[in-house]
Amino acid sequence: MFFEHIYDTSLAQGSYLAGCQATGEAIVIDAKRDIDTYLEIARRNNLNITHIAETHIHADFLSGSRELAAVTGARMYLSDEGGEDWQYMFPHVGLKDGDIIKVGNLSLEVMHTPGHTPESISFLLTDHPATDKPVMVFTGDFVFVGDIGRPDLLEKAAGLIGTKEIGAEQMFRSLRKFADLPDWVQVWPAHGAGSACGKALGAVHCSTVGYEKIRNWAFHYDEDEKAFTDYLLADQPEAPKYFAMMKRLNKTDRPLLIEVPKHPRLTKEQFLPAYDKGVKLIDTRGKAEFAEGYIPGSLNIQNNNSFSTWMGWLLNYQEQFMVVAEESQMDDITRKLMRIGMDNLYGFISDVAEAGIPLEKADTINIDELSSLIGNDDVQLVDVRGASEYAARHIYDADNLFLGTLPDNLNALSREKTIVVYCQAGDRSTIAYSLLKKHGFENVKNYLGGMKEWSEKTRTKTHARA
């Protein structure tokens, strides 16, 4: 048996390629959209991708199953569970609980494991030349290392009111099925730490059924379903706005992108007319470099592991945009954008000075300057972290306006006062600062040290959860 775990750190998303070396057949589970990764793995190991499967209709990334099928000719094996409203709307081989997929001398048994979504399935793999007992289970967003999938995404991201309680009830039942698996079975989920698909995902990529029954909080509630549901639904992170678009695109027909595109470096003559027309400019440089000089109106969304998430929060899928980035970073940036289906990139520039537009400097402040402003009636202090982070501890007198929904809540900010934004360590507050400046707020300051520095250097002027 051949097996490889492919992990995208930008979305904390795991996919898998498993193959039978005797027959040369292989299956890919939960493929990302830049499919050249799987093609190269298969080529290196003399395998042909003959099967493609998904654990559920994903919300946090744009699946590459159809791109991979178009290139390889492999058949797609997708869930037909969950009822009429949860069916894939394009040709595929439908799967039901108990079905078997054979990939050479490997077999994958389908387990219907609803809870995160109604159609969610897991795949129990047996390597028959070695044993007739299962050795791996691919759980998708059902069971993670240390956590389980949240059932509230359909309600929060897709607006399907009333589904979270039903999902929690289904999850409680599905966990009993998981607990009946042999303790030695390896658990390979679709996400790790940093994903918004749960609230306490572990940083380790793989576990076992036995270990999860010991350490995963979800198996410690026995028959107390209400306590389980209350804990499961409490303090989940905000659901990114783009999740609703991913649900739709992963379920219905859409244009395919079978290669990683090459975007042009824009000349000054190409850039300026687009900028003047209001094409959004995303500056992907580090926050310190951005602060030293940026093109007015640009948003500083740094090219780090959160880049895709904040792009999905703050841009819509109809608008064209440009980026500031080094050419050497463009392949990485393009892949991150592809994985959430954000394809309307016009081009990039690398040197902001060459655009010929007078640059602005960001107004950043240190901890002493912030201390002098707290309590001032002419200052509005804004914490742009998530609600659970704010509830756990925040600076005294700060308002909580989450960054992802900040564009929808600008009326909660005073244009007469000085606005000071902060987050945990300066990344999100820099996005917030640039966003507010773009929207015409003149008196904005950014406390780059954030809650991390504030907590380390002072124990005064904070509020914390009791």
Protein backbone atom coordinates (compact mmCIF):
# COMPACT_ATOMS: atom_id res chain seq x y z
CA MET A 1 0.00 0.00 0.00
CA PHE A 2 1.13 3.53 -0.79
CA PHE A 3 -0.11 6.42 1.34
CA GLU A 4 0.62 10.15 1.49
CA HIS A 5 -0.93 12.95 3.53
CA ILE A 6 -1.00 16.31 1.71
CA TYR A 7 -1.40 19.29 4.04
CA ASP A 8 -2.18 22.88 3.13
CA THR A 9 -1.06 25.09 6.02
CA SER A 10 -2.89 28.14 4.65
CA LEU A 11 -6.30 26.53 5.29
CA ALA A 12 -5.16 23.83 7.74
CA GLN A 13 -6.64 21.33 5.27
CA GLY A 14 -5.59 17.74 4.77
CA SER A 15 -6.11 15.57 1.71
CA TYR A 16 -4.93 12.05 0.98
CA LEU A 17 -3.59 9.84 -1.78
CA ALA A 18 -3.74 6.10 -1.15
CA GLY A 19 -2.78 3.48 -3.71
CA CYS A 20 -2.30 -0.19 -4.42
CA GLN A 21 1.25 -0.67 -5.68
CA ALA A 22 0.42 -4.11 -7.06
CA THR A 23 -2.20 -2.80 -9.51
CA GLY A 24 -1.05 0.83 -9.82
CA GLU A 25 -4.48 2.23 -8.88
CA ALA A 26 -4.89 5.16 -6.49
CA ILE A 27 -7.60 7.21 -4.80
CA VAL A 28 -7.48 10.87 -3.76
CA ILE A 29 -9.69 11.98 -0.87
CA ASP A 30 -10.76 15.62 -0.36
CA ALA A 31 -8.57 17.11 -3.09
CA LYS A 32 -7.52 20.75 -3.08
CA ARG A 33 -7.92 22.71 -6.31
CA ASP A 34 -4.27 23.00 -7.35
CA ILE A 35 -4.19 19.39 -8.47
CA ASP A 36 -0.62 19.27 -9.80
CA THR A 37 0.41 18.11 -6.33
CA TYR A 38 -1.48 14.82 -6.71
CA LEU A 39 -0.43 14.31 -10.31
CA GLU A 40 3.22 14.63 -9.33
CA ILE A 41 2.90 12.25 -6.36
CA ALA A 42 1.20 9.66 -8.57
CA ARG A 43 3.83 10.07 -11.31
CA ARG A 44 6.74 9.65 -8.88
CA ASN A 45 5.24 6.47 -7.48
CA ASN A 46 4.05 4.84 -10.72
CA LEU A 47 0.39 5.17 -9.79
CA ASN A 48 -2.69 6.10 -11.79
CA ILE A 49 -5.39 8.13 -10.06
CA THR A 50 -8.48 6.04 -10.81
CA HIS A 51 -10.78 7.06 -7.93
CA ILE A 52 -11.64 10.44 -6.37
CA ALA A 53 -13.72 10.78 -3.21
CA GLU A 54 -14.98 13.45 -0.84
CA THR A 55 -16.14 13.20 2.76
CA HIS A 56 -18.79 15.94 2.38
CA ILE A 57 -19.69 19.16 0.56
CA HIS A 58 -16.92 21.39 1.87
CA ALA A 59 -17.45 24.94 3.09
CA ASP A 60 -13.93 26.15 3.79
CA PHE A 61 -12.20 25.45 0.47
CA LEU A 62 -13.02 24.86 -3.18
CA SER A 63 -12.65 21.16 -3.84
CA GLY A 64 -10.43 20.09 -6.75
CA SER A 65 -12.23 16.79 -7.33
CA ARG A 66 -13.73 17.89 -10.64
CA GLU A 67 -10.46 19.34 -11.91
CA LEU A 68 -8.71 16.10 -11.00
CA ALA A 69 -11.40 14.01 -12.69
CA ALA A 70 -11.20 16.14 -15.85
CA VAL A 71 -7.44 15.59 -16.13
CA THR A 72 -7.19 11.93 -15.09
CA GLY A 73 -10.54 10.50 -16.21
CA ALA A 74 -11.01 9.05 -12.71
CA ARG A 75 -14.52 8.51 -11.38
CA MET A 76 -15.84 10.63 -8.52
CA TYR A 77 -17.34 8.81 -5.52
CA LEU A 78 -19.53 11.20 -3.53
CA SER A 79 -22.14 10.99 -0.81
CA ASP A 80 -25.78 10.41 -1.71
CA GLU A 81 -26.75 10.53 1.97
CA GLY A 82 -28.44 13.39 3.82
CA GLY A 83 -31.65 13.75 1.84
CA GLU A 84 -32.66 15.65 -1.28
CA ASP A 85 -31.29 19.03 -0.23
CA TRP A 86 -27.78 17.63 0.29
CA GLN A 87 -27.04 16.05 -3.06
CA TYR A 88 -24.18 16.91 -5.41
CA MET A 89 -25.69 18.39 -8.57
CA PHE A 90 -23.28 16.93 -11.14
CA PRO A 91 -22.52 13.36 -12.35
CA HIS A 92 -20.85 11.06 -9.84
CA VAL A 93 -20.99 7.58 -8.33
CA GLY A 94 -23.34 7.91 -5.35
CA LEU A 95 -22.34 6.44 -1.99
CA LYS A 96 -24.51 5.16 0.83
CA ASP A 97 -23.69 3.80 4.27
CA GLY A 98 -22.04 0.38 3.96
CA ASP A 99 -20.95 0.75 0.33
CA ILE A 100 -17.46 -0.48 -0.57
CA ILE A 101 -14.98 1.25 -2.91
CA LYS A 102 -12.26 -1.09 -4.22
CA VAL A 103 -8.94 0.40 -5.26
CA GLY A 104 -6.79 -2.51 -6.36
CA ASN A 105 -6.22 -4.59 -3.23
CA LEU A 106 -7.49 -1.82 -0.96
CA SER A 107 -11.08 -1.38 0.10
CA LEU A 108 -12.81 1.65 1.61
CA GLU A 109 -16.08 1.11 3.47
CA VAL A 110 -18.47 4.06 3.58
CA MET A 111 -19.74 5.14 6.99
CA HIS A 112 -22.52 7.74 7.07
CA THR A 113 -21.42 10.08 9.88
CA PRO A 114 -23.79 13.10 9.84
CA GLY A 115 -23.47 15.97 12.31
CA HIS A 116 -21.11 18.47 10.77
CA THR A 117 -23.32 18.22 7.67
CA PRO A 118 -26.21 15.85 6.87
CA GLU A 119 -24.40 14.13 3.97
CA SER A 120 -21.06 13.67 5.76
CA ILE A 121 -19.39 10.28 5.28
CA SER A 122 -16.16 8.68 6.50
CA PHE A 123 -14.04 6.06 4.75
CA LEU A 124 -12.77 3.00 6.62
CA LEU A 125 -9.73 1.62 4.77
CA THR A 126 -8.50 -1.98 4.78
CA ASP A 127 -5.18 -3.02 3.21
CA HIS A 128 -6.10 -6.61 2.31
CA PRO A 129 -2.62 -8.00 1.47
CA ALA A 130 -1.63 -7.10 5.04
CA THR A 131 -4.84 -7.75 7.01
CA ASP A 132 -8.58 -8.17 6.78
CA LYS A 133 -9.08 -5.67 9.57
CA PRO A 134 -9.44 -1.89 8.99
CA VAL A 135 -6.33 0.19 9.54
CA MET A 136 -7.36 3.79 8.76
CA VAL A 137 -10.46 5.97 8.83
CA PHE A 138 -10.71 9.21 6.86
CA THR A 139 -13.12 11.30 8.89
CA GLY A 140 -13.33 14.58 6.96
CA ASP A 141 -14.87 17.17 9.31
CA PHE A 142 -16.46 14.55 11.56
CA VAL A 143 -13.74 13.70 14.10
CA PHE A 144 -10.58 15.78 14.34
CA VAL A 145 -7.56 15.24 16.55
CA GLY A 146 -8.86 16.52 19.88
CA ASP A 147 -12.12 17.94 18.57
CA ILE A 148 -15.13 17.28 16.34
CA GLY A 149 -16.76 19.15 13.47
CA ARG A 150 -19.04 22.03 14.31
CA PRO A 151 -22.71 21.64 13.32
CA ASP A 152 -23.49 25.36 13.27
CA LEU A 153 -21.71 26.29 10.02
CA LEU A 154 -24.78 25.66 7.87
CA GLU A 155 -26.72 28.14 9.96
CA LYS A 156 -24.00 30.76 10.44
CA ALA A 157 -22.42 30.63 6.98
CA ALA A 158 -25.25 29.50 4.73
CA GLY A 159 -28.22 30.96 6.63
CA LEU A 160 -29.99 27.61 7.16
CA ILE A 161 -31.76 28.46 10.40
CA GLY A 162 -32.46 25.63 12.83
CA THR A 163 -29.87 23.22 11.47
CA LYS A 164 -27.32 23.46 14.29
CA GLU A 165 -29.45 21.67 16.88
CA ILE A 166 -30.30 18.91 14.41
CA GLY A 167 -26.64 18.62 13.50
CA ALA A 168 -25.60 18.37 17.15
CA GLU A 169 -28.10 15.56 17.71
CA GLN A 170 -26.81 13.71 14.64
CA MET A 171 -23.22 14.24 15.75
CA PHE A 172 -23.94 12.72 19.16
CA ARG A 173 -25.24 9.56 17.47
CA SER A 174 -22.43 9.41 14.90
CA LEU A 175 -19.82 9.49 17.65
CA ARG A 176 -21.23 6.25 19.07
CA LYS A 177 -20.56 4.62 15.69
CA PHE A 178 -16.99 5.95 15.70
CA ALA A 179 -16.42 4.70 19.26
CA ASP A 180 -17.28 1.15 18.14
CA LEU A 181 -14.32 1.05 15.74
CA PRO A 182 -11.18 -0.86 16.86
CA ASP A 183 -8.89 1.26 19.01
CA TRP A 184 -5.90 0.70 16.71
CA VAL A 185 -7.51 2.31 13.65
CA GLN A 186 -5.62 5.45 12.58
CA VAL A 187 -7.71 8.63 12.35
CA TRP A 188 -6.93 10.96 9.43
CA PRO A 189 -9.16 14.10 9.45
CA ALA A 190 -9.58 16.86 6.86
CA HIS A 191 -8.34 19.67 9.12
CA GLY A 192 -5.86 20.58 11.83
CA ALA A 193 -5.15 23.46 14.19
CA GLY A 194 -6.08 26.83 12.70
CA SER A 195 -9.17 25.68 10.85
CA ALA A 196 -12.49 27.44 11.50
CA CYS A 197 -14.29 24.07 11.23
CA GLY A 198 -13.86 23.51 14.98
CA LYS A 199 -12.72 25.35 18.08
CA ALA A 200 -9.97 23.16 19.58
CA LEU A 201 -8.33 21.18 16.79
CA GLY A 202 -4.99 19.60 17.64
CA ALA A 203 -1.74 20.40 15.88
CA VAL A 204 -0.92 16.70 15.35
CA HIS A 205 -2.21 15.48 11.98
CA CYS A 206 -3.06 11.88 12.90
CA SER A 207 -4.45 10.02 15.87
CA THR A 208 -6.12 6.69 16.65
CA VAL A 209 -9.65 5.79 17.62
CA GLY A 210 -8.45 4.65 21.04
CA TYR A 211 -6.50 7.82 21.70
CA GLU A 212 -9.43 10.03 20.70
CA LYS A 213 -11.74 8.16 23.05
CA ILE A 214 -9.31 9.06 25.84
CA ARG A 215 -8.37 12.65 25.01
CA ASN A 216 -11.13 14.10 22.79
CA TRP A 217 -13.66 16.06 24.85
CA ALA A 218 -16.57 14.81 22.72
CA PHE A 219 -16.29 11.26 24.15
CA HIS A 220 -16.55 12.38 27.78
CA TYR A 221 -20.29 13.06 27.90
CA ASP A 222 -21.59 9.48 27.89
CA GLU A 223 -25.39 9.81 27.76
CA ASP A 224 -25.64 13.52 28.63
CA GLU A 225 -26.63 14.78 25.19
CA LYS A 226 -27.74 18.23 26.40
CA ALA A 227 -24.40 18.97 28.07
CA PHE A 228 -22.64 17.70 24.95
CA THR A 229 -24.72 19.98 22.71
CA ASP A 230 -24.26 23.01 24.95
CA TYR A 231 -20.48 22.62 24.92
CA LEU A 232 -20.32 21.84 21.20
CA LEU A 233 -22.24 24.96 20.20
CA ALA A 234 -20.56 27.35 22.65
CA ASP A 235 -17.67 29.65 21.69
CA GLN A 236 -17.27 28.45 18.11
CA PRO A 237 -15.18 30.87 16.01
CA GLU A 238 -16.86 33.20 13.55
CA ALA A 239 -17.75 31.46 10.29
CA PRO A 240 -15.93 33.17 7.39
CA LYS A 241 -18.23 34.91 4.95
CA TYR A 242 -16.86 33.01 1.95
CA PHE A 243 -18.02 29.65 3.37
CA ALA A 244 -21.49 30.12 1.85
CA MET A 245 -19.93 30.57 -1.60
CA MET A 246 -17.81 27.44 -1.15
CA LYS A 247 -20.88 25.39 -0.24
CA ARG A 248 -22.61 26.49 -3.42
CA LEU A 249 -19.63 26.05 -5.74
CA ASN A 250 -18.79 22.61 -4.32
CA LYS A 251 -22.35 21.40 -4.86
CA THR A 252 -23.18 22.78 -8.31
CA ASP A 253 -21.54 23.01 -11.73
CA ARG A 254 -18.80 25.64 -12.09
CA PRO A 255 -15.89 26.53 -14.41
CA LEU A 256 -12.83 24.35 -13.94
CA LEU A 257 -9.25 25.56 -13.51
CA ILE A 258 -6.94 22.66 -14.26
CA GLU A 259 -3.63 24.57 -14.10
CA VAL A 260 -2.17 27.15 -11.76
CA PRO A 261 -2.48 30.41 -13.73
CA LYS A 262 0.38 32.85 -14.27
CA HIS A 263 -0.63 36.44 -13.51
CA PRO A 264 1.07 39.40 -15.20
CA ARG A 265 3.31 41.98 -13.61
CA LEU A 266 1.45 45.23 -14.30
CA THR A 267 3.18 48.18 -15.91
CA LYS A 268 2.52 51.64 -14.57
CA GLU A 269 0.33 52.26 -17.63
CA GLN A 270 -1.76 49.18 -16.80
CA PHE A 271 -1.90 49.72 -13.05
CA LEU A 272 -2.89 53.39 -12.80
CA PRO A 273 -6.12 53.25 -14.88
CA ALA A 274 -7.27 50.20 -12.91
CA TYR A 275 -6.42 51.89 -9.60
CA ASP A 276 -8.20 55.08 -10.67
CA LYS A 277 -11.30 53.04 -11.57
CA GLY A 278 -11.38 51.65 -8.04
CA VAL A 279 -10.02 48.15 -8.62
CA LYS A 280 -9.21 46.96 -5.12
CA LEU A 281 -5.51 46.73 -4.24
CA ILE A 282 -4.31 44.12 -1.73
CA ASP A 283 -0.86 44.76 -0.27
CA THR A 284 0.56 41.38 0.78
CA ARG A 285 3.77 42.72 2.33
CA GLY A 286 4.56 42.43 6.03
CA LYS A 287 2.83 44.85 8.38
CA ALA A 288 6.06 46.71 9.25
CA GLU A 289 6.96 47.27 5.61
CA PHE A 290 3.39 48.35 4.83
CA ALA A 291 3.48 50.86 7.70
CA GLU A 292 6.58 52.52 6.25
CA GLY A 293 4.84 53.41 2.99
CA TYR A 294 1.69 52.16 1.26
CA ILE A 295 -0.49 53.17 -1.66
CA PRO A 296 -3.58 55.00 -0.34
CA GLY A 297 -6.69 52.84 -0.31
CA SER A 298 -4.83 49.51 -0.32
CA LEU A 299 -5.65 46.77 2.18
CA ASN A 300 -2.75 45.13 3.99
CA ILE A 301 -3.60 41.40 4.00
CA GLN A 302 -0.22 39.79 4.59
CA ASN A 303 0.80 36.69 2.68
CA ASN A 304 0.84 34.34 5.65
CA ASN A 305 -1.23 31.33 6.66
CA SER A 306 -4.29 33.53 7.20
CA PHE A 307 -4.16 35.19 3.78
CA SER A 308 -6.89 33.05 2.17
CA THR A 309 -9.22 33.41 5.13
CA TRP A 310 -9.09 37.21 5.23
CA MET A 311 -9.36 37.49 1.47
CA GLY A 312 -12.51 35.39 1.72
CA TRP A 313 -13.86 37.56 4.50
CA LEU A 314 -13.22 40.95 2.91
CA LEU A 315 -13.52 40.55 -0.89
CA ASN A 316 -16.51 39.42 -2.87
CA TYR A 317 -16.36 36.97 -5.74
CA GLN A 318 -17.50 39.43 -8.39
CA GLU A 319 -14.92 42.17 -7.95
CA GLN A 320 -11.56 42.28 -9.69
CA PHE A 321 -8.48 43.04 -7.60
CA MET A 322 -4.71 43.55 -7.81
CA VAL A 323 -1.94 42.63 -5.38
CA VAL A 324 1.35 44.06 -4.21
CA ALA A 325 3.81 41.16 -4.00
CA GLU A 326 7.23 40.00 -5.07
CA GLU A 327 7.16 37.90 -8.24
CA SER A 328 8.72 35.01 -6.30
CA GLN A 329 5.62 34.91 -4.07
CA MET A 330 3.04 34.91 -6.82
CA ASP A 331 2.82 31.16 -7.26
CA ASP A 332 2.12 30.73 -3.55
CA ILE A 333 -0.40 33.59 -3.52
CA THR A 334 -2.16 32.27 -6.63
CA ARG A 335 -2.53 28.81 -5.12
CA LYS A 336 -3.98 30.24 -1.92
CA LEU A 337 -6.51 32.21 -3.96
CA MET A 338 -7.36 29.20 -6.15
CA ARG A 339 -8.15 27.11 -3.10
CA ILE A 340 -11.04 29.40 -2.19
CA GLY A 341 -12.09 30.02 -5.80
CA MET A 342 -10.96 33.65 -5.89
CA ASP A 343 -9.94 33.87 -9.55
CA ASN A 344 -10.47 37.55 -10.46
CA LEU A 345 -6.86 38.66 -10.00
CA TYR A 346 -5.96 41.29 -12.62
CA GLY A 347 -2.21 41.28 -11.94
CA PHE A 348 0.48 42.39 -9.50
CA ILE A 349 3.03 45.09 -8.80
CA SER A 350 6.13 44.62 -6.66
CA ASP A 351 7.37 48.17 -6.01
CA VAL A 352 4.79 50.56 -4.57
CA ALA A 353 7.09 53.54 -5.24
CA GLU A 354 7.12 52.86 -8.99
CA ALA A 355 3.36 53.43 -9.24
CA GLY A 356 3.98 57.17 -9.05
CA ILE A 357 1.39 57.71 -6.31
CA PRO A 358 2.40 59.58 -3.13
CA LEU A 359 2.68 56.97 -0.38
CA GLU A 360 1.16 57.21 3.07
CA LYS A 361 2.64 56.00 6.36
CA ALA A 362 0.61 54.11 8.92
CA ASP A 363 0.08 55.69 12.34
CA THR A 364 1.27 52.99 14.73
CA ILE A 365 1.55 53.43 18.48
CA ASN A 366 3.37 51.61 21.28
CA ILE A 367 2.11 50.44 24.64
CA ASP A 368 2.98 53.66 26.46
CA GLU A 369 1.12 55.75 23.90
CA LEU A 370 -1.89 53.46 24.16
CA SER A 371 -1.87 53.70 27.96
CA SER A 372 -2.02 57.47 27.75
CA LEU A 373 -5.10 57.30 25.51
CA ILE A 374 -7.22 54.86 27.54
CA GLY A 375 -10.13 56.60 29.23
CA ASN A 376 -9.95 59.63 26.95
CA ASP A 377 -13.45 60.64 25.86
CA ASP A 378 -12.11 61.59 22.44
CA VAL A 379 -10.75 58.09 21.80
CA GLN A 380 -12.61 54.94 20.68
CA LEU A 381 -10.65 51.77 21.41
CA VAL A 382 -11.62 48.87 19.12
CA ASP A 383 -10.73 45.20 19.61
CA VAL A 384 -11.04 43.45 16.23
CA ARG A 385 -10.54 39.90 17.51
CA GLY A 386 -13.28 37.28 17.67
CA ALA A 387 -16.02 37.39 20.29
CA SER A 388 -14.62 34.48 22.34
CA GLU A 389 -11.15 36.05 22.42
CA TYR A 390 -12.65 39.35 23.54
CA ALA A 391 -14.74 37.65 26.23
CA ALA A 392 -11.70 35.83 27.59
CA ARG A 393 -9.68 39.05 28.09
CA HIS A 394 -9.65 42.51 26.59
CA ILE A 395 -8.31 45.98 27.30
CA TYR A 396 -10.54 48.10 29.51
CA ASP A 397 -13.19 50.14 27.70
CA ALA A 398 -12.57 48.53 24.30
CA ASP A 399 -15.44 47.89 21.91
CA ASN A 400 -15.48 44.53 20.12
CA LEU A 401 -15.95 44.82 16.36
CA PHE A 402 -14.75 41.63 14.71
CA LEU A 403 -12.50 42.27 11.72
CA GLY A 404 -14.41 39.99 9.35
CA THR A 405 -17.63 41.93 9.80
CA LEU A 406 -16.04 45.35 10.26
CA PRO A 407 -17.10 46.62 6.79
CA ASP A 408 -20.72 45.93 7.78
CA ASN A 409 -20.39 47.80 11.07
CA LEU A 410 -18.67 51.06 10.16
CA ASN A 411 -21.62 52.99 11.60
CA ALA A 412 -20.53 51.76 15.04
CA LEU A 413 -17.36 53.85 14.71
CA SER A 414 -17.06 57.55 15.40
CA ARG A 415 -15.63 59.79 12.69
CA GLU A 416 -15.14 62.53 15.26
CA LYS A 417 -13.02 60.54 17.70
CA THR A 418 -9.56 59.04 17.32
CA ILE A 419 -9.97 55.32 16.68
CA VAL A 420 -7.35 52.95 18.05
CA VAL A 421 -7.48 49.37 16.76
CA TYR A 422 -5.77 46.33 18.24
CA CYS A 423 -5.90 42.52 17.98
CA GLN A 424 -3.70 39.77 19.41
CA ALA A 425 -0.35 40.58 17.79
CA GLY A 426 -0.91 43.24 15.13
CA ASP A 427 -1.79 41.30 11.97
CA ARG A 428 -5.57 41.70 12.12
CA SER A 429 -5.39 45.24 13.44
CA THR A 430 -3.22 46.20 10.47
CA ILE A 431 -5.92 44.91 8.12
CA ALA A 432 -8.48 46.86 10.15
CA TYR A 433 -6.36 50.02 10.06
CA SER A 434 -5.99 49.86 6.28
CA LEU A 435 -9.69 49.10 5.85
CA LEU A 436 -10.76 52.08 7.94
CA LYS A 437 -8.39 54.40 6.10
CA LYS A 438 -9.81 53.14 2.80
CA HIS A 439 -13.30 54.00 4.04
CA GLY A 440 -12.35 57.57 4.82
CA PHE A 441 -11.63 57.44 8.57
CA GLU A 442 -8.90 60.02 9.09
CA ASN A 443 -8.00 59.68 12.77
CA VAL A 444 -6.95 56.03 13.11
CA LYS A 445 -4.08 54.55 15.11
CA ASN A 446 -2.86 50.95 15.20
CA TYR A 447 -1.53 49.39 18.40
CA LEU A 448 0.74 46.74 16.89
CA GLY A 449 1.70 45.09 20.19
CA GLY A 450 -1.83 43.84 20.63
CA MET A 451 -3.28 41.85 23.48
CA LYS A 452 -0.19 39.65 23.57
CA GLU A 453 2.11 42.51 24.55
CA TRP A 454 -0.51 44.16 26.75
CA SER A 455 -1.04 40.97 28.78
CA GLU A 456 2.71 40.42 29.17
CA LYS A 457 3.54 43.95 30.31
CA THR A 458 0.55 45.05 32.33
CA ARG A 459 -2.07 43.43 34.51
CA THR A 460 -4.09 46.61 34.82
CA LYS A 461 -6.93 48.03 32.78
CA THR A 462 -8.20 44.69 31.47
CA HIS A 463 -11.51 42.93 31.63
CA ALA A 464 -11.65 39.16 31.67
CA ARG A 465 -14.29 36.48 31.71
CA ALA A 466 -15.23 35.56 35.25
